[in-house]
C-alpha atoms as a PDB file:
ATOM      1  CA  UNK A   1     -28.499 -10.532 -41.060  1.00  0.00           C
ATOM      2  CA  UNK A   2     -29.717 -13.855 -39.811  1.00  0.00           C
ATOM      3  CA  UNK A   3     -31.322 -15.875 -42.290  1.00  0.00           C
ATOM      4  CA  UNK A   4     -35.222 -16.432 -41.111  1.00  0.00           C
ATOM      5  CA  UNK A   5     -34.947 -19.551 -39.072  1.00  0.00           C
ATOM      6  CA  UNK A   6     -37.422 -22.582 -40.030  1.00  0.00           C
ATOM      7  CA  UNK A   7     -38.633 -24.664 -37.129  1.00  0.00           C
ATOM      8  CA  UNK A   8     -39.921 -27.875 -38.268  1.00  0.00           C
ATOM      9  CA  UNK A   9     -42.989 -29.508 -35.786  1.00  0.00           C
ATOM     10  CA  UNK A  10     -41.767 -33.379 -34.669  1.00  0.00           C
ATOM     11  CA  UNK A  11     -44.751 -35.888 -32.833  1.00  0.00           C
ATOM     12  CA  UNK A  12     -44.767 -38.959 -31.271  1.00  0.00           C
ATOM     13  CA  UNK A  13     -43.654 -40.814 -34.249  1.00  0.00           C
ATOM     14  CA  UNK A  14     -40.148 -42.019 -32.406  1.00  0.00           C
ATOM     15  CA  UNK A  15     -38.144 -43.046 -36.387  1.00  0.00           C
ATOM     16  CA  UNK A  16     -38.900 -39.177 -37.025  1.00  0.00           C
ATOM     17  CA  UNK A  17     -37.056 -38.198 -34.497  1.00  0.00           C
ATOM     18  CA  UNK A  18     -33.861 -40.554 -34.038  1.00  0.00           C
ATOM     19  CA  UNK A  19     -33.561 -39.541 -38.117  1.00  0.00           C
ATOM     20  CA  UNK A  20     -34.122 -36.159 -38.040  1.00  0.00           C
ATOM     21  CA  UNK A  21     -31.683 -33.994 -40.311  1.00  0.00           C
ATOM     22  CA  UNK A  22     -33.074 -30.483 -39.459  1.00  0.00           C
ATOM     23  CA  UNK A  23     -30.852 -28.266 -36.847  1.00  0.00           C
ATOM     24  CA  UNK A  24     -34.545 -26.697 -35.881  1.00  0.00           C
ATOM     25  CA  UNK A  25     -37.794 -28.384 -34.239  1.00  0.00           C
ATOM     26  CA  UNK A  26     -40.858 -27.505 -32.886  1.00  0.00           C
ATOM     27  CA  UNK A  27     -42.675 -29.459 -30.326  1.00  0.00           C
ATOM     28  CA  UNK A  28     -46.204 -28.711 -29.347  1.00  0.00           C
ATOM     29  CA  UNK A  29     -46.943 -30.353 -25.242  1.00  0.00           C
ATOM     30  CA  UNK A  30     -50.638 -31.663 -26.543  1.00  0.00           C
ATOM     31  CA  UNK A  31     -48.492 -34.213 -28.735  1.00  0.00           C
ATOM     32  CA  UNK A  32     -48.351 -35.485 -25.155  1.00  0.00           C
ATOM     33  CA  UNK A  33     -51.985 -35.908 -24.666  1.00  0.00           C
ATOM     34  CA  UNK A  34     -54.688 -37.699 -24.652  1.00  0.00           C
ATOM     35  CA  UNK A  35     -57.978 -37.606 -24.508  1.00  0.00           C
ATOM     36  CA  UNK A  36     -58.399 -38.788 -21.001  1.00  0.00           C
ATOM     37  CA  UNK A  37     -55.651 -38.410 -19.183  1.00  0.00           C
ATOM     38  CA  UNK A  38     -51.960 -37.605 -19.866  1.00  0.00           C
ATOM     39  CA  UNK A  39     -50.066 -40.404 -21.714  1.00  0.00           C
ATOM     40  CA  UNK A  40     -46.768 -40.460 -19.675  1.00  0.00           C
ATOM     41  CA  UNK A  41     -44.863 -37.315 -19.978  1.00  0.00           C
ATOM     42  CA  UNK A  42     -41.940 -38.652 -22.716  1.00  0.00           C
ATOM     43  CA  UNK A  43     -38.744 -37.357 -22.876  1.00  0.00           C
ATOM     44  CA  UNK A  44     -38.286 -36.414 -26.474  1.00  0.00           C
ATOM     45  CA  UNK A  45     -34.470 -36.379 -27.692  1.00  0.00           C
ATOM     46  CA  UNK A  46     -34.585 -35.270 -30.943  1.00  0.00           C
ATOM     47  CA  UNK A  47     -31.283 -36.058 -33.253  1.00  0.00           C
ATOM     48  CA  UNK A  48     -29.043 -33.524 -34.794  1.00  0.00           C
ATOM     49  CA  UNK A  49     -31.460 -30.917 -33.501  1.00  0.00           C
ATOM     50  CA  UNK A  50     -29.626 -27.410 -32.497  1.00  0.00           C
ATOM     51  CA  UNK A  51     -32.627 -25.386 -31.330  1.00  0.00           C
ATOM     52  CA  UNK A  52     -35.555 -26.546 -29.794  1.00  0.00           C
ATOM     53  CA  UNK A  53     -38.524 -24.308 -29.602  1.00  0.00           C
ATOM     54  CA  UNK A  54     -41.138 -25.336 -27.206  1.00  0.00           C
ATOM     55  CA  UNK A  55     -44.925 -24.503 -27.204  1.00  0.00           C
ATOM     56  CA  UNK A  56     -48.161 -25.039 -25.179  1.00  0.00           C
ATOM     57  CA  UNK A  57     -50.879 -26.357 -27.378  1.00  0.00           C
ATOM     58  CA  UNK A  58     -53.269 -23.476 -27.031  1.00  0.00           C
ATOM     59  CA  UNK A  59     -54.949 -24.159 -30.220  1.00  0.00           C
ATOM     60  CA  UNK A  60     -55.337 -28.004 -30.165  1.00  0.00           C
ATOM     61  CA  UNK A  61     -56.427 -27.733 -26.712  1.00  0.00           C
ATOM     62  CA  UNK A  62     -58.795 -25.079 -27.301  1.00  0.00           C
ATOM     63  CA  UNK A  63     -60.511 -26.753 -29.579  1.00  0.00           C
ATOM     64  CA  UNK A  64     -60.429 -30.189 -28.013  1.00  0.00           C
ATOM     65  CA  UNK A  65     -61.566 -29.188 -24.802  1.00  0.00           C
ATOM     66  CA  UNK A  66     -62.254 -25.911 -24.062  1.00  0.00           C
ATOM     67  CA  UNK A  67     -59.468 -24.572 -22.420  1.00  0.00           C
ATOM     68  CA  UNK A  68     -56.042 -25.859 -21.154  1.00  0.00           C
ATOM     69  CA  UNK A  69     -56.426 -29.217 -19.025  1.00  0.00           C
ATOM     70  CA  UNK A  70     -53.363 -28.719 -17.088  1.00  0.00           C
ATOM     71  CA  UNK A  71     -51.450 -26.497 -14.679  1.00  0.00           C
ATOM     72  CA  UNK A  72     -48.667 -24.365 -15.219  1.00  0.00           C
ATOM     73  CA  UNK A  73     -46.949 -27.134 -12.983  1.00  0.00           C
ATOM     74  CA  UNK A  74     -47.373 -29.334 -15.796  1.00  0.00           C
ATOM     75  CA  UNK A  75     -46.114 -27.643 -18.632  1.00  0.00           C
ATOM     76  CA  UNK A  76     -42.517 -26.611 -16.497  1.00  0.00           C
ATOM     77  CA  UNK A  77     -42.515 -30.524 -16.045  1.00  0.00           C
ATOM     78  CA  UNK A  78     -42.497 -31.289 -19.519  1.00  0.00           C
ATOM     79  CA  UNK A  79     -40.302 -28.550 -20.354  1.00  0.00           C
ATOM     80  CA  UNK A  80     -36.961 -29.564 -17.963  1.00  0.00           C
ATOM     81  CA  UNK A  81     -37.678 -33.482 -18.908  1.00  0.00           C
ATOM     82  CA  UNK A  82     -37.519 -31.747 -22.702  1.00  0.00           C
ATOM     83  CA  UNK A  83     -34.543 -30.055 -21.416  1.00  0.00           C
ATOM     84  CA  UNK A  84     -32.942 -32.583 -20.032  1.00  0.00           C
ATOM     85  CA  UNK A  85     -32.191 -35.243 -22.375  1.00  0.00           C
ATOM     86  CA  UNK A  86     -30.975 -32.982 -25.893  1.00  0.00           C
ATOM     87  CA  UNK A  87     -28.085 -31.531 -25.446  1.00  0.00           C
ATOM     88  CA  UNK A  88     -28.599 -28.457 -27.092  1.00  0.00           C
ATOM     89  CA  UNK A  89     -31.220 -27.922 -25.068  1.00  0.00           C
ATOM     90  CA  UNK A  90     -34.468 -26.149 -24.680  1.00  0.00           C
ATOM     91  CA  UNK A  91     -34.617 -22.388 -26.248  1.00  0.00           C
ATOM     92  CA  UNK A  92     -37.124 -20.385 -26.902  1.00  0.00           C
ATOM     93  CA  UNK A  93     -40.931 -21.498 -24.664  1.00  0.00           C
ATOM     94  CA  UNK A  94     -43.893 -19.800 -25.900  1.00  0.00           C
ATOM     95  CA  UNK A  95     -45.963 -19.208 -22.875  1.00  0.00           C
ATOM     96  CA  UNK A  96     -49.780 -20.101 -22.473  1.00  0.00           C
ATOM     97  CA  UNK A  97     -51.848 -18.138 -25.145  1.00  0.00           C
ATOM     98  CA  UNK A  98     -55.732 -18.358 -26.109  1.00  0.00           C
ATOM     99  CA  UNK A  99     -55.763 -17.998 -29.623  1.00  0.00           C
ATOM    100  CA  UNK A 100     -58.281 -15.712 -31.289  1.00  0.00           C
ATOM    101  CA  UNK A 101     -58.982 -17.203 -34.677  1.00  0.00           C
ATOM    102  CA  UNK A 102     -62.889 -16.703 -35.722  1.00  0.00           C
ATOM    103  CA  UNK A 103     -63.162 -20.926 -36.246  1.00  0.00           C
ATOM    104  CA  UNK A 104     -61.536 -21.487 -33.022  1.00  0.00           C
ATOM    105  CA  UNK A 105     -64.249 -23.087 -31.301  1.00  0.00           C
ATOM    106  CA  UNK A 106     -65.376 -20.598 -27.679  1.00  0.00           C
ATOM    107  CA  UNK A 107     -67.051 -23.059 -25.842  1.00  0.00           C
ATOM    108  CA  UNK A 108     -64.597 -22.350 -22.669  1.00  0.00           C
ATOM    109  CA  UNK A 109     -65.698 -18.961 -20.389  1.00  0.00           C
ATOM    110  CA  UNK A 110     -62.916 -16.447 -22.428  1.00  0.00           C
ATOM    111  CA  UNK A 111     -65.567 -16.415 -25.451  1.00  0.00           C
ATOM    112  CA  UNK A 112     -64.024 -12.825 -26.844  1.00  0.00           C
ATOM    113  CA  UNK A 113     -60.931 -12.185 -28.558  1.00  0.00           C
ATOM    114  CA  UNK A 114     -60.860  -9.280 -25.468  1.00  0.00           C
ATOM    115  CA  UNK A 115     -61.153 -11.807 -22.457  1.00  0.00           C
ATOM    116  CA  UNK A 116     -58.911 -14.255 -24.199  1.00  0.00           C
ATOM    117  CA  UNK A 117     -55.707 -11.536 -24.684  1.00  0.00           C
ATOM    118  CA  UNK A 118     -56.302 -10.348 -21.602  1.00  0.00           C
ATOM    119  CA  UNK A 119     -56.114 -13.957 -20.208  1.00  0.00           C
ATOM    120  CA  UNK A 120     -53.100 -14.712 -22.361  1.00  0.00           C
ATOM    121  CA  UNK A 121     -51.171 -11.374 -20.997  1.00  0.00           C
ATOM    122  CA  UNK A 122     -51.957 -12.969 -17.747  1.00  0.00           C
ATOM    123  CA  UNK A 123     -50.581 -16.348 -18.185  1.00  0.00           C
ATOM    124  CA  UNK A 124     -47.421 -14.706 -19.635  1.00  0.00           C
ATOM    125  CA  UNK A 125     -46.955 -12.413 -16.213  1.00  0.00           C
ATOM    126  CA  UNK A 126     -47.402 -15.076 -13.843  1.00  0.00           C
ATOM    127  CA  UNK A 127     -45.416 -18.037 -15.428  1.00  0.00           C
ATOM    128  CA  UNK A 128     -42.531 -15.686 -16.479  1.00  0.00           C
ATOM    129  CA  UNK A 129     -42.657 -14.711 -12.904  1.00  0.00           C
ATOM    130  CA  UNK A 130     -42.763 -18.119 -11.039  1.00  0.00           C
ATOM    131  CA  UNK A 131     -40.355 -19.819 -13.649  1.00  0.00           C
ATOM    132  CA  UNK A 132     -37.893 -17.317 -14.737  1.00  0.00           C
ATOM    133  CA  UNK A 133     -35.611 -20.041 -15.379  1.00  0.00           C
ATOM    134  CA  UNK A 134     -37.255 -20.841 -19.101  1.00  0.00           C
ATOM    135  CA  UNK A 135     -36.525 -18.982 -21.538  1.00  0.00           C
ATOM    136  CA  UNK A 136     -39.993 -17.386 -22.156  1.00  0.00           C
ATOM    137  CA  UNK A 137     -41.596 -15.674 -25.492  1.00  0.00           C
ATOM    138  CA  UNK A 138     -44.118 -13.945 -24.458  1.00  0.00           C
ATOM    139  CA  UNK A 139     -47.027 -14.347 -27.488  1.00  0.00           C
ATOM    140  CA  UNK A 140     -49.260 -11.348 -29.188  1.00  0.00           C
ATOM    141  CA  UNK A 141     -52.396 -12.522 -29.820  1.00  0.00           C
ATOM    142  CA  UNK A 142     -55.290 -10.803 -31.511  1.00  0.00           C
ATOM    143  CA  UNK A 143     -57.189 -11.554 -34.876  1.00  0.00           C
ATOM    144  CA  UNK A 144     -57.168  -7.405 -35.550  1.00  0.00           C
ATOM    145  CA  UNK A 145     -54.569  -5.498 -35.695  1.00  0.00           C
ATOM    146  CA  UNK A 146     -56.049  -3.097 -33.138  1.00  0.00           C
ATOM    147  CA  UNK A 147     -56.600  -6.299 -30.714  1.00  0.00           C
ATOM    148  CA  UNK A 148     -52.863  -6.987 -31.201  1.00  0.00           C
ATOM    149  CA  UNK A 149     -51.774  -3.568 -30.501  1.00  0.00           C
ATOM    150  CA  UNK A 150     -53.468  -3.848 -27.498  1.00  0.00           C
ATOM    151  CA  UNK A 151     -52.437  -6.739 -26.107  1.00  0.00           C
ATOM    152  CA  UNK A 152     -49.329  -4.862 -26.885  1.00  0.00           C
ATOM    153  CA  UNK A 153     -49.883  -2.211 -24.975  1.00  0.00           C
ATOM    154  CA  UNK A 154     -51.117  -5.031 -22.248  1.00  0.00           C
ATOM    155  CA  UNK A 155     -48.004  -6.133 -22.298  1.00  0.00           C
ATOM    156  CA  UNK A 156     -46.082  -2.555 -22.082  1.00  0.00           C
ATOM    157  CA  UNK A 157     -48.532  -1.240 -19.630  1.00  0.00           C
ATOM    158  CA  UNK A 158     -47.081  -4.133 -17.122  1.00  0.00           C
ATOM    159  CA  UNK A 159     -43.203  -3.658 -17.864  1.00  0.00           C
ATOM    160  CA  UNK A 160     -43.148  -6.558 -20.412  1.00  0.00           C
ATOM    161  CA  UNK A 161     -39.951  -6.114 -22.505  1.00  0.00           C
ATOM    162  CA  UNK A 162     -38.710  -9.664 -23.650  1.00  0.00           C
ATOM    163  CA  UNK A 163     -35.832 -10.296 -26.123  1.00  0.00           C
ATOM    164  CA  UNK A 164     -38.456 -11.890 -28.300  1.00  0.00           C
ATOM    165  CA  UNK A 165     -42.349 -12.400 -28.840  1.00  0.00           C
ATOM    166  CA  UNK A 166     -44.616 -14.899 -30.728  1.00  0.00           C
ATOM    167  CA  UNK A 167     -47.522 -13.276 -32.580  1.00  0.00           C
ATOM    168  CA  UNK A 168     -50.473 -15.790 -32.937  1.00  0.00           C
ATOM    169  CA  UNK A 169     -53.449 -16.388 -34.386  1.00  0.00           C
ATOM    170  CA  UNK A 170     -51.564 -16.556 -37.851  1.00  0.00           C
ATOM    171  CA  UNK A 171     -51.540 -20.344 -39.030  1.00  0.00           C
ATOM    172  CA  UNK A 172     -55.173 -19.539 -40.684  1.00  0.00           C
ATOM    173  CA  UNK A 173     -54.161 -17.018 -42.476  1.00  0.00           C
ATOM    174  CA  UNK A 174     -53.486 -17.277 -46.517  1.00  0.00           C
ATOM    175  CA  UNK A 175     -53.308 -13.267 -47.414  1.00  0.00           C
ATOM    176  CA  UNK A 176     -49.145 -12.425 -46.954  1.00  0.00           C
ATOM    177  CA  UNK A 177     -49.820  -9.031 -47.696  1.00  0.00           C
ATOM    178  CA  UNK A 178     -52.094  -8.855 -44.816  1.00  0.00           C
ATOM    179  CA  UNK A 179     -49.191 -10.493 -42.450  1.00  0.00           C
ATOM    180  CA  UNK A 180     -46.406  -8.449 -43.772  1.00  0.00           C
ATOM    181  CA  UNK A 181     -49.193  -5.246 -43.040  1.00  0.00           C
ATOM    182  CA  UNK A 182     -49.504  -6.025 -39.240  1.00  0.00           C
ATOM    183  CA  UNK A 183     -45.619  -7.253 -38.803  1.00  0.00           C
ATOM    184  CA  UNK A 184     -44.818  -3.427 -40.173  1.00  0.00           C
ATOM    185  CA  UNK A 185     -47.882  -1.832 -38.148  1.00  0.00           C
ATOM    186  CA  UNK A 186     -46.190  -3.008 -35.113  1.00  0.00           C
ATOM    187  CA  UNK A 187     -42.987  -2.255 -35.640  1.00  0.00           C
ATOM    188  CA  UNK A 188     -44.098   0.906 -36.158  1.00  0.00           C
ATOM    189  CA  UNK A 189     -46.129   0.990 -32.825  1.00  0.00           C
ATOM    190  CA  UNK A 190     -43.518   0.182 -30.703  1.00  0.00           C
ATOM    191  CA  UNK A 191     -42.583  -3.662 -30.875  1.00  0.00           C
ATOM    192  CA  UNK A 192     -39.062  -3.689 -31.352  1.00  0.00           C
ATOM    193  CA  UNK A 193     -38.249  -7.309 -29.818  1.00  0.00           C
ATOM    194  CA  UNK A 194     -37.116 -10.260 -32.084  1.00  0.00           C
ATOM    195  CA  UNK A 195     -40.611 -12.194 -33.379  1.00  0.00           C
ATOM    196  CA  UNK A 196     -41.667 -15.502 -34.336  1.00  0.00           C
ATOM    197  CA  UNK A 197     -44.822 -16.428 -36.561  1.00  0.00           C
ATOM    198  CA  UNK A 198     -46.718 -19.316 -35.446  1.00  0.00           C
ATOM    199  CA  UNK A 199     -48.003 -21.801 -38.276  1.00  0.00           C
ATOM    200  CA  UNK A 200     -46.734 -19.229 -41.069  1.00  0.00           C
ATOM    201  CA  UNK A 201     -47.954 -21.016 -44.082  1.00  0.00           C
ATOM    202  CA  UNK A 202     -45.670 -21.591 -47.127  1.00  0.00           C
ATOM    203  CA  UNK A 203     -46.386 -18.609 -49.274  1.00  0.00           C
ATOM    204  CA  UNK A 204     -45.078 -16.457 -46.076  1.00  0.00           C
ATOM    205  CA  UNK A 205     -41.677 -17.986 -46.927  1.00  0.00           C
ATOM    206  CA  UNK A 206     -41.956 -16.338 -50.019  1.00  0.00           C
ATOM    207  CA  UNK A 207     -42.526 -12.851 -49.000  1.00  0.00           C
ATOM    208  CA  UNK A 208     -38.925 -10.603 -48.687  1.00  0.00           C
ATOM    209  CA  UNK A 209     -39.869  -8.737 -46.236  1.00  0.00           C
ATOM    210  CA  UNK A 210     -40.985 -11.320 -43.902  1.00  0.00           C
ATOM    211  CA  UNK A 211     -37.758 -13.406 -44.638  1.00  0.00           C
ATOM    212  CA  UNK A 212     -35.627 -10.017 -43.790  1.00  0.00           C
ATOM    213  CA  UNK A 213     -37.598  -9.109 -40.962  1.00  0.00           C
ATOM    214  CA  UNK A 214     -38.743 -12.173 -38.985  1.00  0.00           C
ATOM    215  CA  UNK A 215     -36.312 -13.981 -36.788  1.00  0.00           C
ATOM    216  CA  UNK A 216     -38.099 -17.901 -36.864  1.00  0.00           C
ATOM    217  CA  UNK A 217     -41.372 -19.286 -38.057  1.00  0.00           C
ATOM    218  CA  UNK A 218     -42.230 -23.036 -37.411  1.00  0.00           C
ATOM    219  CA  UNK A 219     -44.464 -25.165 -39.151  1.00  0.00           C
ATOM    220  CA  UNK A 220     -46.355 -28.081 -37.241  1.00  0.00           C
ATOM    221  CA  UNK A 221     -48.703 -29.016 -39.800  1.00  0.00           C
ATOM    222  CA  UNK A 222     -46.527 -29.261 -42.843  1.00  0.00           C
ATOM    223  CA  UNK A 223     -44.767 -32.397 -41.061  1.00  0.00           C
ATOM    224  CA  UNK A 224     -48.025 -33.885 -39.570  1.00  0.00           C
ATOM    225  CA  UNK A 225     -49.863 -33.279 -43.118  1.00  0.00           C
ATOM    226  CA  UNK A 226     -46.317 -35.361 -44.736  1.00  0.00           C
ATOM    227  CA  UNK A 227     -46.142 -38.021 -42.423  1.00  0.00           C
ATOM    228  CA  UNK A 228     -50.393 -38.616 -42.881  1.00  0.00           C
ATOM    229  CA  UNK A 229     -50.125 -38.789 -46.092  1.00  0.00           C
ATOM    230  CA  UNK A 230     -46.809 -41.421 -46.210  1.00  0.00           C
ATOM    231  CA  UNK A 231     -49.024 -44.877 -47.016  1.00  0.00           C
ATOM    232  CA  UNK A 232     -50.583 -42.689 -49.977  1.00  0.00           C
ATOM    233  CA  UNK A 233     -48.402 -40.749 -51.678  1.00  0.00           C
ATOM    234  CA  UNK A 234     -44.408 -41.697 -50.209  1.00  0.00           C
ATOM    235  CA  UNK A 235     -42.353 -44.247 -49.022  1.00  0.00           C
ATOM    236  CA  UNK A 236     -41.713 -44.347 -45.010  1.00  0.00           C
ATOM    237  CA  UNK A 237     -38.150 -42.838 -45.863  1.00  0.00           C
ATOM    238  CA  UNK A 238     -39.233 -40.285 -48.722  1.00  0.00           C
ATOM    239  CA  UNK A 239     -41.367 -39.440 -45.620  1.00  0.00           C
ATOM    240  CA  UNK A 240     -38.958 -38.809 -43.268  1.00  0.00           C
ATOM    241  CA  UNK A 241     -36.221 -37.032 -46.037  1.00  0.00           C
ATOM    242  CA  UNK A 242     -39.660 -34.609 -46.195  1.00  0.00           C
ATOM    243  CA  UNK A 243     -39.682 -33.949 -42.634  1.00  0.00           C
ATOM    244  CA  UNK A 244     -36.344 -33.971 -42.087  1.00  0.00           C
ATOM    245  CA  UNK A 245     -36.297 -30.419 -43.657  1.00  0.00           C
ATOM    246  CA  UNK A 246     -37.403 -30.873 -47.727  1.00  0.00           C
ATOM    247  CA  UNK A 247     -40.120 -29.261 -49.388  1.00  0.00           C
ATOM    248  CA  UNK A 248     -41.665 -31.207 -52.279  1.00  0.00           C
ATOM    249  CA  UNK A 249     -41.496 -28.302 -55.462  1.00  0.00           C
ATOM    250  CA  UNK A 250     -42.869 -29.856 -59.504  1.00  0.00           C
ATOM    251  CA  UNK A 251     -42.528 -33.146 -57.317  1.00  0.00           C
ATOM    252  CA  UNK A 252     -38.562 -32.443 -57.068  1.00  0.00           C
ATOM    253  CA  UNK A 253     -36.748 -32.858 -53.461  1.00  0.00           C
ATOM    254  CA  UNK A 254     -34.757 -28.922 -52.486  1.00  0.00           C
ATOM    255  CA  UNK A 255     -33.894 -28.340 -49.010  1.00  0.00           C
ATOM    256  CA  UNK A 256     -35.704 -25.488 -47.416  1.00  0.00           C
ATOM    257  CA  UNK A 257     -32.797 -22.897 -47.937  1.00  0.00           C
ATOM    258  CA  UNK A 258     -32.900 -23.307 -51.824  1.00  0.00           C
ATOM    259  CA  UNK A 259     -36.337 -22.695 -52.002  1.00  0.00           C
ATOM    260  CA  UNK A 260     -36.051 -19.133 -49.585  1.00  0.00           C
ATOM    261  CA  UNK A 261     -33.395 -18.375 -51.800  1.00  0.00           C
ATOM    262  CA  UNK A 262     -35.058 -19.167 -54.860  1.00  0.00           C
ATOM    263  CA  UNK A 263     -37.978 -17.046 -53.765  1.00  0.00           C
ATOM    264  CA  UNK A 264     -36.211 -14.290 -52.497  1.00  0.00           C
ATOM    265  CA  UNK A 265     -34.543 -13.522 -56.195  1.00  0.00           C
ATOM    266  CA  UNK A 266     -37.987 -13.502 -57.990  1.00  0.00           C
ATOM    267  CA  UNK A 267     -39.648  -9.915 -58.059  1.00  0.00           C
ATOM    268  CA  UNK A 268     -42.148 -10.512 -55.161  1.00  0.00           C
ATOM    269  CA  UNK A 269     -42.701  -8.095 -52.035  1.00  0.00           C
END
């Protein structure tokens, strides 16, 4: 069984990208966007990356603007730019989704979770059909278990059976047992594909069930938070080490895989 792949989120800081020592990298197009217009879309090269996952930035864009401020063509253009400059190329790309957390801004016309789920599925169908050369990872959206099941039904009814699904609206969940329950029930309901969890909190890595069942997860907030505190807490070089795939525990640095191995040996289930 393969180990859970943890994708570290990367931002606009070139020094961090150049000094990367972590193989799994996560980039959101939201990092390329300014309030009034696009900054020049940057074909970021990430040193030592072995696998790059890309995201449409739905949570950031919906909270800032109420909807996506660009079309599919602009998103795909950015994907190809990242793919061209990195030797490993781009792996999975999440389809543009509409997050359903309770605290997300509801200023766009899609106010209910039902509307957002339908739009998430419609987006995936359209973009996967128009750009079949990209390794798309459709997003299961919802907030309750029944909403996730409804989203999966919509995909199945339209013949979507991808290699991997991402489960959205996870980044604000602190109840690990609830996440386990959702994943377990979705698998029993018929989710047979590989699973990615957006924004899984660090305590989620303590779950032996998630570690053994989920293929991958990511954390943009972890690397952003460390980066934003660099002047207050640690020197620049230490910040780079942490963003490069190291966690802080009891004020000592340990590798992510050491942390996971340690937590797997504990009795938490």
